[in-house]
Structures are given as structure tokens and as C-alpha cells.
């Protein structure tokens, strides 16, 4: 009798995840909560162009900066690609990021890929833009603050370290130049 009771309990426990999944059908467009949270970043959608001024150990460099931002998965995530071009047209900087809403954690998820590094970093939507940060060595970080208003995207990255004055690393000022269907547009046709 005891082995039968164990088998019955195992069957109930294994069926529970399937029952939960049956109650919440999978959606290729994410959840309503995810789409609502990502809607707060719709002001970023489109193509942008402007100037990025980078302050480094070798002095100041100015690049033509472009960004393109679009939604995927029915609007439940944002995809961002940034490129910085030198005066000769060569690409000097290229980065890609995704932003999503994690309802279980009650926060945004931000994953960035740039300059051979990648990671998940704190991200917050503000009343007129967003802020995020990345580690920059022991006891240091770079804080990025963006204000997006009236077709202008102004973002400043500041290096902050314990016991040292903050130091501006990058300032980007972009103008929205148009719409884009990137990255969702141009999906592979299912018909041969």
C-alpha cells in the first residue's frame, strides 16, 4: 500500500506544474504586464542620430552617434543598437542591449553588450527617460542618465568612485530622425 501512495503523490506533484501552465497559456507576445511596462519606453522607438563626446585618458573624441530602437515579442521587450562613427565613416563603437520587464522580480531587466563585455545591469525608467549603471573597477561604476523629450535624446555617463570626484565619461545628444520597423520587421517567411 505504501508504494502505491508514493506513486499517487508523485503523480499529483508532477501534474501541478502542468495545471499551472494550463491556466496561463503561453503567449508569443509576452504578458499584458510586460507590454504595459515596456510601453513606458516607447519614446525611444525609431532611428536617432547626433553626436557623442567621449572623455578618455587620451583626451576627447567626438563621434557621430546613431541609435535604433524597436520592439519585439509583441512589444514585451525593447532592442537597442548604438553605433559611433569616426569622421572617416568607420565604426568606432557598437553596442546592443535589450530591456524587458520581470514581473516576478518587479523590476526591469537590462542586458548590454559592448566593447567585448556583456552583463545584466540595474535599470530604471524615470519620468522623462531612464537611468542605468555598470561596474567600472573596484569601488567604481559608470552611471548613465538619459532624458528623452521632444525628439531629443540626451544621455550622460558619469564615472563615480568612492573618495573621488565624479568624472564625465560620455555625453550623447541625439535627434530622432524617423521610424523603423527594426528589429521585428523582415521576419523570415514561414512559406518556402
N, C-alpha and C. Protein backbone atom coordinates (compact mmCIF):
# COMPACT_ATOMS: atom_id res chain seq x y z
N UNK A 1 0.81 -1.18 0.00
CA UNK A 1 0.00 0.00 0.00
C UNK A 1 0.86 1.26 0.00
N UNK A 2 1.96 1.23 0.72
CA UNK A 2 2.82 2.39 0.82
C UNK A 2 3.41 2.79 -0.54
N UNK A 3 3.93 1.84 -1.38
CA UNK A 3 4.43 2.23 -2.69
C UNK A 3 3.35 2.87 -3.56
N UNK A 4 2.12 2.37 -3.47
CA UNK A 4 1.03 2.95 -4.25
C UNK A 4 0.77 4.40 -3.83
N UNK A 5 0.80 4.67 -2.52
CA UNK A 5 0.58 6.03 -2.01
C UNK A 5 1.68 6.97 -2.51
N UNK A 6 2.91 6.49 -2.54
CA UNK A 6 4.03 7.30 -3.04
C UNK A 6 3.84 7.61 -4.51
N UNK A 7 3.42 6.62 -5.29
CA UNK A 7 3.19 6.84 -6.72
C UNK A 7 2.07 7.84 -6.95
N UNK A 8 1.02 7.75 -6.17
CA UNK A 8 -0.11 8.68 -6.31
C UNK A 8 0.32 10.10 -5.97
N UNK A 9 1.10 10.26 -4.90
CA UNK A 9 1.60 11.58 -4.53
C UNK A 9 2.51 12.15 -5.62
N UNK A 10 3.38 11.32 -6.17
CA UNK A 10 4.27 11.77 -7.24
C UNK A 10 3.47 12.21 -8.46
N UNK A 11 2.41 11.47 -8.79
CA UNK A 11 1.58 11.85 -9.94
C UNK A 11 0.92 13.20 -9.72
N UNK A 12 0.45 13.47 -8.50
CA UNK A 12 -0.18 14.76 -8.18
C UNK A 12 0.84 15.88 -8.27
N UNK A 13 2.03 15.67 -7.70
CA UNK A 13 3.07 16.70 -7.72
C UNK A 13 3.56 17.00 -9.14
N UNK A 14 3.69 15.97 -9.95
CA UNK A 14 4.12 16.19 -11.33
C UNK A 14 3.04 16.86 -12.17
N UNK A 15 1.79 16.63 -11.85
CA UNK A 15 0.68 17.23 -12.60
C UNK A 15 0.50 18.70 -12.25
N UNK A 16 0.94 19.14 -11.06
CA UNK A 16 0.73 20.52 -10.63
C UNK A 16 1.35 21.54 -11.58
N UNK A 17 2.63 21.40 -12.00
CA UNK A 17 3.17 22.38 -12.95
C UNK A 17 2.39 22.43 -14.25
N UNK A 18 1.94 21.27 -14.73
CA UNK A 18 1.17 21.24 -15.97
C UNK A 18 -0.15 21.97 -15.79
N UNK A 19 -0.78 21.84 -14.61
CA UNK A 19 -2.04 22.53 -14.35
C UNK A 19 -1.83 24.03 -14.31
N UNK A 20 -0.74 24.47 -13.70
CA UNK A 20 -0.43 25.91 -13.65
C UNK A 20 -0.20 26.43 -15.07
N UNK A 21 0.55 25.70 -15.88
CA UNK A 21 0.79 26.11 -17.26
C UNK A 21 -0.51 26.16 -18.05
N UNK A 22 -1.42 25.23 -17.77
CA UNK A 22 -2.69 25.21 -18.49
C UNK A 22 -3.52 26.44 -18.15
N UNK A 23 -3.39 26.97 -16.92
CA UNK A 23 -4.14 28.15 -16.51
C UNK A 23 -3.58 29.41 -17.16
N UNK A 24 -2.30 29.46 -17.44
CA UNK A 24 -1.66 30.64 -18.04
C UNK A 24 -1.08 30.23 -19.38
N UNK A 25 -1.87 30.32 -20.46
CA UNK A 25 -1.37 29.87 -21.75
C UNK A 25 -0.16 30.69 -22.21
N UNK A 26 0.73 30.01 -22.89
CA UNK A 26 1.92 30.68 -23.42
C UNK A 26 1.49 31.70 -24.46
N UNK A 27 2.18 32.83 -24.50
CA UNK A 27 1.87 33.87 -25.48
C UNK A 27 3.14 34.30 -26.18
N UNK A 28 3.15 34.30 -27.51
CA UNK A 28 4.33 34.78 -28.23
C UNK A 28 4.54 36.27 -28.05
N UNK A 29 3.55 36.97 -27.50
CA UNK A 29 3.64 38.42 -27.31
C UNK A 29 3.90 38.82 -25.87
N UNK A 30 4.34 37.89 -25.03
CA UNK A 30 4.58 38.21 -23.63
C UNK A 30 3.28 38.44 -22.90
N UNK A 31 3.36 39.03 -21.72
CA UNK A 31 2.17 39.26 -20.91
C UNK A 31 1.71 40.71 -21.02
N UNK A 32 0.50 40.95 -20.59
CA UNK A 32 -0.04 42.32 -20.57
C UNK A 32 0.82 43.21 -19.66
N UNK A 33 1.26 42.68 -18.51
CA UNK A 33 2.11 43.45 -17.60
C UNK A 33 3.43 43.83 -18.26
N UNK A 34 4.02 42.91 -19.02
CA UNK A 34 5.28 43.21 -19.71
C UNK A 34 5.07 44.31 -20.75
N UNK A 35 4.01 44.18 -21.54
CA UNK A 35 3.75 45.17 -22.59
C UNK A 35 3.47 46.53 -21.98
N UNK A 36 2.73 46.58 -20.87
CA UNK A 36 2.44 47.86 -20.22
C UNK A 36 3.71 48.51 -19.68
N UNK A 37 4.58 47.71 -19.07
CA UNK A 37 5.84 48.26 -18.54
C UNK A 37 6.73 48.77 -19.67
N UNK A 38 6.79 48.04 -20.78
CA UNK A 38 7.64 48.45 -21.90
C UNK A 38 7.07 49.64 -22.64
N UNK A 39 5.77 49.83 -22.56
CA UNK A 39 5.13 51.00 -23.19
C UNK A 39 5.72 52.30 -22.65
N UNK A 40 6.22 52.29 -21.42
CA UNK A 40 6.83 53.48 -20.82
C UNK A 40 8.09 53.91 -21.56
N UNK A 41 8.65 53.01 -22.39
CA UNK A 41 9.87 53.33 -23.14
C UNK A 41 9.59 53.56 -24.63
N UNK A 42 8.34 53.69 -25.01
CA UNK A 42 8.01 53.90 -26.42
C UNK A 42 8.62 55.17 -26.99
N UNK A 43 8.95 56.15 -26.15
CA UNK A 43 9.56 57.39 -26.64
C UNK A 43 10.92 57.15 -27.29
N UNK A 44 11.51 55.97 -27.06
CA UNK A 44 12.80 55.62 -27.65
C UNK A 44 12.67 55.03 -29.06
N UNK A 45 11.48 54.53 -29.41
CA UNK A 45 11.32 53.84 -30.68
C UNK A 45 11.69 54.74 -31.86
N UNK A 46 12.42 54.17 -32.81
CA UNK A 46 12.79 54.89 -34.02
C UNK A 46 14.28 54.92 -34.24
N UNK A 47 14.69 55.78 -35.18
CA UNK A 47 16.10 55.98 -35.51
C UNK A 47 16.53 57.36 -35.02
N UNK A 48 17.76 57.41 -34.51
CA UNK A 48 18.30 58.62 -33.88
C UNK A 48 19.70 58.88 -34.43
N UNK A 49 20.09 60.14 -34.51
CA UNK A 49 21.44 60.50 -34.95
C UNK A 49 21.87 61.79 -34.23
N UNK A 50 23.15 61.85 -33.93
CA UNK A 50 23.67 63.05 -33.27
C UNK A 50 25.15 62.90 -32.98
N UNK A 51 25.54 63.44 -31.86
CA UNK A 51 26.96 63.50 -31.50
C UNK A 51 27.18 62.85 -30.14
N UNK A 52 28.28 62.12 -30.05
CA UNK A 52 28.73 61.57 -28.76
C UNK A 52 30.13 62.11 -28.50
N UNK A 53 30.31 62.68 -27.34
CA UNK A 53 31.62 63.19 -26.92
C UNK A 53 32.12 62.27 -25.81
N UNK A 54 33.27 61.64 -26.06
CA UNK A 54 33.85 60.68 -25.12
C UNK A 54 35.10 61.30 -24.51
N UNK A 55 35.14 61.28 -23.18
CA UNK A 55 36.30 61.80 -22.45
C UNK A 55 37.09 60.61 -21.93
N UNK A 56 38.30 60.43 -22.45
CA UNK A 56 39.12 59.29 -22.05
C UNK A 56 40.51 59.72 -21.62
N UNK A 57 41.35 58.75 -21.29
CA UNK A 57 42.71 59.06 -20.84
C UNK A 57 43.55 59.76 -21.91
N UNK A 58 43.19 59.56 -23.19
CA UNK A 58 43.95 60.19 -24.28
C UNK A 58 43.31 61.48 -24.78
N UNK A 59 42.33 61.99 -24.04
CA UNK A 59 41.68 63.24 -24.44
C UNK A 59 40.23 63.01 -24.84
N UNK A 60 39.71 63.95 -25.61
CA UNK A 60 38.31 63.93 -26.00
C UNK A 60 38.15 63.47 -27.44
N UNK A 61 37.20 62.59 -27.68
CA UNK A 61 36.89 62.09 -29.01
C UNK A 61 35.42 62.40 -29.31
N UNK A 62 35.15 62.87 -30.50
CA UNK A 62 33.77 63.14 -30.92
C UNK A 62 33.40 62.18 -32.04
N UNK A 63 32.26 61.51 -31.89
CA UNK A 63 31.77 60.56 -32.87
C UNK A 63 30.38 60.98 -33.33
N UNK A 64 30.02 60.59 -34.55
CA UNK A 64 28.63 60.66 -34.97
C UNK A 64 27.97 59.42 -34.40
N UNK A 65 26.99 59.62 -33.54
CA UNK A 65 26.34 58.52 -32.85
C UNK A 65 24.96 58.26 -33.45
N UNK A 66 24.64 56.99 -33.68
CA UNK A 66 23.31 56.61 -34.12
C UNK A 66 22.76 55.56 -33.16
N UNK A 67 21.46 55.56 -33.02
CA UNK A 67 20.77 54.56 -32.21
C UNK A 67 19.52 54.16 -32.99
N UNK A 68 19.18 52.89 -32.89
CA UNK A 68 17.89 52.45 -33.40
C UNK A 68 17.27 51.58 -32.32
N UNK A 69 15.97 51.80 -32.12
CA UNK A 69 15.25 51.14 -31.03
C UNK A 69 13.93 50.63 -31.57
N UNK A 70 13.62 49.40 -31.24
CA UNK A 70 12.35 48.81 -31.65
C UNK A 70 11.92 47.74 -30.68
N UNK A 71 10.68 47.32 -30.88
CA UNK A 71 10.09 46.31 -30.02
C UNK A 71 10.10 44.94 -30.69
N UNK A 72 10.08 43.91 -29.86
CA UNK A 72 9.91 42.54 -30.33
C UNK A 72 8.94 41.84 -29.38
N UNK A 73 8.57 40.64 -29.76
CA UNK A 73 7.69 39.80 -28.95
C UNK A 73 6.42 40.56 -28.58
N UNK A 74 5.82 41.20 -29.59
CA UNK A 74 4.55 41.89 -29.39
C UNK A 74 4.64 43.12 -28.52
N UNK A 75 5.83 43.68 -28.38
CA UNK A 75 6.02 44.87 -27.55
C UNK A 75 6.44 44.56 -26.13
N UNK A 76 6.78 43.31 -25.85
CA UNK A 76 7.15 42.96 -24.48
C UNK A 76 8.64 43.11 -24.19
N UNK A 77 9.46 43.41 -25.21
CA UNK A 77 10.86 43.77 -24.99
C UNK A 77 11.25 44.88 -25.96
N UNK A 78 12.28 45.63 -25.59
CA UNK A 78 12.89 46.63 -26.47
C UNK A 78 14.28 46.15 -26.82
N UNK A 79 14.68 46.41 -28.06
CA UNK A 79 16.03 46.11 -28.52
C UNK A 79 16.65 47.43 -28.96
N UNK A 80 17.87 47.67 -28.52
CA UNK A 80 18.57 48.93 -28.79
C UNK A 80 19.92 48.63 -29.40
N UNK A 81 20.25 49.30 -30.51
CA UNK A 81 21.59 49.19 -31.07
C UNK A 81 22.16 50.59 -31.24
N UNK A 82 23.39 50.78 -30.74
CA UNK A 82 24.09 52.05 -30.89
C UNK A 82 25.37 51.87 -31.67
N UNK A 83 25.64 52.84 -32.55
CA UNK A 83 26.90 52.83 -33.32
C UNK A 83 27.50 54.23 -33.28
N UNK A 84 28.81 54.26 -33.07
CA UNK A 84 29.55 55.52 -33.12
C UNK A 84 30.52 55.49 -34.29
N UNK A 85 30.45 56.53 -35.13
CA UNK A 85 31.27 56.59 -36.34
C UNK A 85 32.30 57.72 -36.25
N UNK A 86 33.52 57.41 -36.70
CA UNK A 86 34.57 58.43 -36.79
C UNK A 86 34.30 59.30 -38.02
N UNK A 87 35.06 60.38 -38.16
CA UNK A 87 34.88 61.30 -39.28
C UNK A 87 35.05 60.61 -40.63
N UNK A 88 35.86 59.56 -40.70
CA UNK A 88 36.07 58.85 -41.97
C UNK A 88 34.99 57.81 -42.26
N UNK A 89 33.98 57.71 -41.38
CA UNK A 89 32.87 56.78 -41.58
C UNK A 89 33.08 55.41 -40.97
N UNK A 90 34.25 55.15 -40.41
CA UNK A 90 34.50 53.84 -39.80
C UNK A 90 33.77 53.73 -38.46
N UNK A 91 33.34 52.51 -38.14
CA UNK A 91 32.64 52.27 -36.88
C UNK A 91 33.66 52.16 -35.76
N UNK A 92 33.54 53.03 -34.77
CA UNK A 92 34.45 53.03 -33.62
C UNK A 92 33.80 52.46 -32.36
N UNK A 93 32.47 52.39 -32.38
CA UNK A 93 31.74 51.89 -31.22
C UNK A 93 30.49 51.19 -31.73
N UNK A 94 30.17 50.04 -31.14
CA UNK A 94 28.94 49.32 -31.49
C UNK A 94 28.47 48.60 -30.24
N UNK A 95 27.21 48.82 -29.88
CA UNK A 95 26.64 48.19 -28.68
C UNK A 95 25.22 47.75 -28.98
N UNK A 96 24.77 46.76 -28.22
CA UNK A 96 23.41 46.27 -28.34
C UNK A 96 22.90 45.98 -26.95
N UNK A 97 21.60 46.24 -26.73
CA UNK A 97 21.01 45.98 -25.42
C UNK A 97 19.56 45.54 -25.58
N UNK A 98 19.08 44.83 -24.58
CA UNK A 98 17.67 44.50 -24.51
C UNK A 98 17.14 44.97 -23.16
N UNK A 99 15.89 45.43 -23.17
CA UNK A 99 15.20 45.84 -21.95
C UNK A 99 13.91 45.04 -21.89
N UNK A 100 13.61 44.50 -20.72
CA UNK A 100 12.39 43.74 -20.53
C UNK A 100 11.85 44.00 -19.13
N UNK A 101 10.64 43.53 -18.90
CA UNK A 101 10.03 43.66 -17.57
C UNK A 101 9.93 42.28 -16.94
N UNK A 102 10.45 42.14 -15.73
CA UNK A 102 10.39 40.89 -14.98
C UNK A 102 9.32 41.06 -13.90
N UNK A 103 8.12 40.56 -14.17
CA UNK A 103 7.00 40.72 -13.23
C UNK A 103 7.27 40.02 -11.90
N UNK A 104 7.96 38.88 -11.92
CA UNK A 104 8.25 38.16 -10.68
C UNK A 104 9.15 38.97 -9.76
N UNK A 105 10.15 39.65 -10.35
CA UNK A 105 11.07 40.46 -9.54
C UNK A 105 10.56 41.89 -9.36
N UNK A 106 9.56 42.30 -10.16
CA UNK A 106 9.02 43.66 -10.05
C UNK A 106 10.01 44.72 -10.49
N UNK A 107 10.80 44.39 -11.53
CA UNK A 107 11.80 45.37 -11.99
C UNK A 107 12.11 45.12 -13.47
N UNK A 108 12.76 46.12 -14.06
CA UNK A 108 13.21 45.98 -15.44
C UNK A 108 14.49 45.15 -15.49
N UNK A 109 14.64 44.41 -16.56
CA UNK A 109 15.88 43.69 -16.83
C UNK A 109 16.59 44.41 -17.97
N UNK A 110 17.87 44.63 -17.85
CA UNK A 110 18.65 45.33 -18.87
C UNK A 110 19.91 44.53 -19.13
N UNK A 111 20.09 44.09 -20.36
CA UNK A 111 21.28 43.31 -20.74
C UNK A 111 21.97 44.07 -21.84
N UNK A 112 23.26 44.35 -21.64
CA UNK A 112 24.04 45.15 -22.58
C UNK A 112 25.25 44.37 -23.08
N UNK A 113 25.57 44.61 -24.35
CA UNK A 113 26.75 44.02 -25.00
C UNK A 113 27.52 45.17 -25.65
N UNK A 114 28.76 45.39 -25.22
CA UNK A 114 29.56 46.47 -25.80
C UNK A 114 31.04 46.27 -25.51
N UNK A 115 31.85 46.59 -26.51
CA UNK A 115 33.30 46.61 -26.34
C UNK A 115 33.85 45.28 -25.81
N UNK A 116 33.22 44.17 -26.15
CA UNK A 116 33.69 42.87 -25.69
C UNK A 116 33.20 42.47 -24.32
N UNK A 117 32.33 43.27 -23.72
CA UNK A 117 31.79 42.97 -22.40
C UNK A 117 30.28 42.80 -22.52
N UNK A 118 29.70 42.05 -21.58
CA UNK A 118 28.25 41.94 -21.51
C UNK A 118 27.86 41.75 -20.06
N UNK A 119 26.62 42.08 -19.77
CA UNK A 119 26.15 41.89 -18.41
C UNK A 119 24.74 42.36 -18.22
N UNK A 120 24.20 42.02 -17.07
CA UNK A 120 22.88 42.47 -16.65
C UNK A 120 23.10 43.58 -15.63
N UNK A 121 22.49 44.74 -15.88
CA UNK A 121 22.76 45.91 -15.07
C UNK A 121 21.47 46.53 -14.55
N UNK A 122 21.55 47.21 -13.39
CA UNK A 122 20.37 47.89 -12.86
C UNK A 122 19.86 48.93 -13.86
N UNK A 123 18.52 48.99 -14.03
CA UNK A 123 17.88 49.88 -15.00
C UNK A 123 16.59 50.40 -14.39
N UNK A 124 16.34 51.69 -14.58
CA UNK A 124 15.15 52.31 -14.02
C UNK A 124 14.56 53.27 -15.05
N UNK A 125 13.26 53.21 -15.24
CA UNK A 125 12.56 54.18 -16.08
C UNK A 125 12.23 55.37 -15.20
N UNK A 126 12.53 56.59 -15.69
CA UNK A 126 12.23 57.81 -14.94
C UNK A 126 11.06 58.53 -15.63
N UNK A 127 10.66 59.65 -15.08
CA UNK A 127 9.55 60.41 -15.65
C UNK A 127 9.81 60.90 -17.06
N UNK A 128 11.07 61.14 -17.41
CA UNK A 128 11.38 61.67 -18.74
C UNK A 128 12.55 60.95 -19.41
N UNK A 129 12.75 59.69 -19.06
CA UNK A 129 13.83 58.93 -19.67
C UNK A 129 14.14 57.67 -18.89
N UNK A 130 15.43 57.46 -18.64
CA UNK A 130 15.85 56.25 -17.92
C UNK A 130 17.23 56.47 -17.34
N UNK A 131 17.61 55.54 -16.46
CA UNK A 131 18.96 55.53 -15.88
C UNK A 131 19.41 54.09 -15.73
N UNK A 132 20.72 53.88 -15.87
CA UNK A 132 21.28 52.56 -15.65
C UNK A 132 22.72 52.73 -15.23
N UNK A 133 23.34 51.66 -14.77
CA UNK A 133 24.74 51.75 -14.34
C UNK A 133 25.45 50.44 -14.62
N UNK A 134 26.77 50.56 -14.72
CA UNK A 134 27.62 49.40 -14.96
C UNK A 134 28.87 49.51 -14.08
N UNK A 135 29.40 48.39 -13.60
CA UNK A 135 30.63 48.44 -12.81
C UNK A 135 31.79 48.96 -13.65
N UNK A 136 32.71 49.66 -13.00
CA UNK A 136 33.87 50.22 -13.70
C UNK A 136 35.13 50.07 -12.86
N UNK A 137 35.33 48.89 -12.31
CA UNK A 137 36.51 48.64 -11.48
C UNK A 137 36.13 48.59 -10.02
N UNK A 138 37.10 48.24 -9.17
CA UNK A 138 36.83 48.12 -7.73
C UNK A 138 36.31 49.44 -7.15
N UNK A 139 35.14 49.38 -6.53
CA UNK A 139 34.56 50.56 -5.89
C UNK A 139 34.12 51.65 -6.85
N UNK A 140 34.01 51.34 -8.14
CA UNK A 140 33.65 52.36 -9.13
C UNK A 140 32.52 51.86 -10.03
N UNK A 141 31.81 52.81 -10.61
CA UNK A 141 30.74 52.48 -11.56
C UNK A 141 30.57 53.65 -12.52
N UNK A 142 29.90 53.38 -13.62
CA UNK A 142 29.50 54.45 -14.53
C UNK A 142 27.99 54.53 -14.47
N UNK A 143 27.49 55.70 -14.13
CA UNK A 143 26.05 55.95 -14.05
C UNK A 143 25.63 56.67 -15.32
N UNK A 144 24.65 56.11 -16.02
CA UNK A 144 24.11 56.72 -17.23
C UNK A 144 22.73 57.28 -16.92
N UNK A 145 22.50 58.53 -17.28
CA UNK A 145 21.20 59.16 -17.09
C UNK A 145 20.78 59.75 -18.42
N UNK A 146 19.59 59.35 -18.90
CA UNK A 146 19.08 59.83 -20.18
C UNK A 146 17.77 60.57 -19.98
N UNK A 147 17.65 61.70 -20.70
CA UNK A 147 16.40 62.45 -20.76
C UNK A 147 15.98 62.43 -22.22
N UNK A 148 14.75 61.97 -22.48
CA UNK A 148 14.24 61.86 -23.84
C UNK A 148 12.96 62.68 -23.89
N UNK A 149 13.03 63.78 -24.65
CA UNK A 149 11.90 64.70 -24.67
C UNK A 149 11.90 65.49 -25.97
N UNK A 150 10.72 65.65 -26.56
CA UNK A 150 10.53 66.47 -27.77
C UNK A 150 11.49 66.09 -28.90
N UNK A 151 11.68 64.80 -29.13
CA UNK A 151 12.52 64.34 -30.23
C UNK A 151 14.01 64.47 -29.99
N UNK A 152 14.41 64.70 -28.73
CA UNK A 152 15.83 64.79 -28.37
C UNK A 152 16.15 63.77 -27.28
N UNK A 153 17.27 63.06 -27.48
CA UNK A 153 17.74 62.06 -26.52
C UNK A 153 19.08 62.57 -26.02
N UNK A 154 19.14 62.96 -24.75
CA UNK A 154 20.37 63.46 -24.14
C UNK A 154 20.77 62.50 -23.03
N UNK A 155 21.95 61.89 -23.16
CA UNK A 155 22.41 60.91 -22.18
C UNK A 155 23.82 61.24 -21.75
N UNK A 156 24.04 61.15 -20.44
CA UNK A 156 25.36 61.44 -19.86
C UNK A 156 25.79 60.23 -19.04
N UNK A 157 27.04 59.79 -19.25
CA UNK A 157 27.64 58.73 -18.46
C UNK A 157 28.71 59.31 -17.57
N UNK A 158 28.57 59.11 -16.27
CA UNK A 158 29.50 59.69 -15.29
C UNK A 158 30.18 58.58 -14.50
N UNK A 159 31.51 58.62 -14.46
CA UNK A 159 32.29 57.68 -13.67
C UNK A 159 32.26 58.15 -12.22
N UNK A 160 31.89 57.23 -11.32
CA UNK A 160 31.77 57.54 -9.90
C UNK A 160 32.56 56.51 -9.12
N UNK A 161 33.46 56.99 -8.25
CA UNK A 161 34.27 56.09 -7.42
C UNK A 161 34.34 56.66 -6.00
N UNK A 162 34.38 55.75 -5.05
CA UNK A 162 34.45 56.16 -3.66
C UNK A 162 35.67 57.05 -3.42
N UNK A 163 35.43 58.19 -2.76
CA UNK A 163 36.52 59.09 -2.39
C UNK A 163 37.09 59.92 -3.52
N UNK A 164 36.47 59.91 -4.69
CA UNK A 164 36.96 60.69 -5.82
C UNK A 164 35.82 61.51 -6.42
N UNK A 165 36.16 62.65 -7.02
CA UNK A 165 35.09 63.44 -7.63
C UNK A 165 34.53 62.73 -8.87
N UNK A 166 33.23 62.86 -9.13
CA UNK A 166 32.66 62.27 -10.34
C UNK A 166 33.33 62.83 -11.59
N UNK A 167 33.41 62.00 -12.64
CA UNK A 167 34.07 62.42 -13.88
C UNK A 167 33.20 62.02 -15.07
N UNK A 168 32.85 63.00 -15.89
CA UNK A 168 32.03 62.72 -17.07
C UNK A 168 32.84 61.89 -18.05
N UNK A 169 32.22 60.77 -18.49
CA UNK A 169 32.89 59.87 -19.44
C UNK A 169 32.35 60.05 -20.86
N UNK A 170 31.04 60.25 -20.97
CA UNK A 170 30.42 60.38 -22.29
C UNK A 170 29.19 61.27 -22.18
N UNK A 171 28.97 62.03 -23.25
CA UNK A 171 27.74 62.80 -23.38
C UNK A 171 27.24 62.61 -24.80
N UNK A 172 25.99 62.25 -24.91
CA UNK A 172 25.39 61.94 -26.20
C UNK A 172 24.15 62.81 -26.35
N UNK A 173 24.05 63.49 -27.48
CA UNK A 173 22.87 64.31 -27.78
C UNK A 173 22.39 63.94 -29.18
N UNK A 174 21.21 63.30 -29.24
CA UNK A 174 20.69 62.77 -30.49
C UNK A 174 19.34 63.41 -30.82
N UNK A 175 19.03 63.41 -32.13
CA UNK A 175 17.74 63.87 -32.62
C UNK A 175 17.06 62.70 -33.30
N UNK A 176 15.77 62.55 -33.04
CA UNK A 176 15.02 61.47 -33.69
C UNK A 176 14.86 61.82 -35.17
N UNK A 177 15.27 60.88 -36.05
CA UNK A 177 15.24 61.14 -37.49
C UNK A 177 14.17 60.34 -38.22
N UNK A 178 13.52 59.39 -37.55
CA UNK A 178 12.46 58.65 -38.23
C UNK A 178 12.04 57.39 -37.52
N UNK A 179 11.03 56.77 -38.11
CA UNK A 179 10.51 55.50 -37.62
C UNK A 179 11.36 54.35 -38.14
N UNK A 180 11.18 53.19 -37.53
CA UNK A 180 11.83 51.98 -38.01
C UNK A 180 10.96 50.78 -37.66
N UNK A 181 11.00 49.75 -38.49
CA UNK A 181 10.32 48.51 -38.13
C UNK A 181 11.33 47.50 -37.60
N UNK A 182 12.57 47.95 -37.38
CA UNK A 182 13.63 47.11 -36.83
C UNK A 182 13.34 46.86 -35.36
N UNK A 183 13.62 45.75 -34.80
CA UNK A 183 14.11 44.51 -35.36
C UNK A 183 12.99 43.54 -35.77
N UNK A 184 11.74 43.89 -35.45
CA UNK A 184 10.64 42.95 -35.72
C UNK A 184 10.34 42.81 -37.20
N UNK A 185 10.55 43.86 -37.99
CA UNK A 185 10.26 43.81 -39.42
C UNK A 185 11.19 42.88 -40.16
N UNK A 186 10.69 42.32 -41.23
CA UNK A 186 11.53 41.46 -42.06
C UNK A 186 11.74 40.08 -41.51
N UNK A 187 10.77 39.57 -40.74
CA UNK A 187 10.90 38.22 -40.21
C UNK A 187 10.92 37.21 -41.37
N UNK A 188 11.49 36.05 -41.11
CA UNK A 188 11.58 35.01 -42.12
C UNK A 188 10.18 34.49 -42.43
N UNK A 189 9.83 34.44 -43.69
CA UNK A 189 8.52 33.96 -44.14
C UNK A 189 8.42 32.46 -43.88
N UNK A 190 7.33 31.99 -43.28
CA UNK A 190 7.23 30.55 -43.00
C UNK A 190 6.97 29.72 -44.25
N UNK A 191 6.54 30.35 -45.34
CA UNK A 191 6.28 29.60 -46.57
C UNK A 191 7.58 29.42 -47.36
N UNK A 192 7.80 28.24 -47.95
CA UNK A 192 9.02 28.03 -48.71
C UNK A 192 9.04 28.82 -50.01
